[in-house]
């Protein structure tokens, strides 16, 4: 240090002070969320996946699922572009038609946001994908019917979903195929609910004794409610 001229030492010290002062005056960096872009074309993805579309589909869905957590910032789902979200989910299904995961995400994650427009968009997506493969995807449409009934308070939409399960998913469990009966009852369509339930019991489709007992009691209750409502309608 003794060999360094004093003026050079002074210049270095001043430069160090200036650097520290300049850095201290700079505003703190703000983490900004990047927008979710559209996925690549499916045909191109099939080429680059080198015969492993299922593995690529899994990578894409993990990328989408983690997109709300970016370095230094956490995004609420309602801040995402749901048009892009839907495209990502569709792309994953196109790569792996047997996967259930994207439909589960739509029904149980992205449809849970407190935003009716986004909820409806995800429920419509679940409905469309159900119609492409009813026997394997009916559970997610049943979940969509529950959301439509209890969150959106849209009974006609819930009934539409429930009727499609009964119409298209012959292998669906009894509770899902019977949803439309109880939705009709909640809508005040007691007579229609009783007719459907009576027809269901008459076909012999229900074989479980406990379920038969419950549904038979439910049918009697519906018939009782139907009878009690008729005098008031005729007054």
Foldseek 3Di string as FASTA:
>chain_A
DVVDDPVVVVVVVVVVVVVVVVVVPDDDDADDQDAQDADDDLVVVCVVVVNCLLVVLVVLVVCVVCSQDDVRHGHDLVPHDLVRLLRSLVSSCVSPVPDPVSLCCLLPPQLPDPDVVSVVVSLVSLQVSCVVPVQVSLVSLLSNLVCCCPPVVNLVVSLVSLCCNLVPHPPDDPVSVLVNLVSCVVVVVLVVSLVVLVVVVVVVPDDDPVVNVVSVVVSVVSVVVVVVVVVVVVD
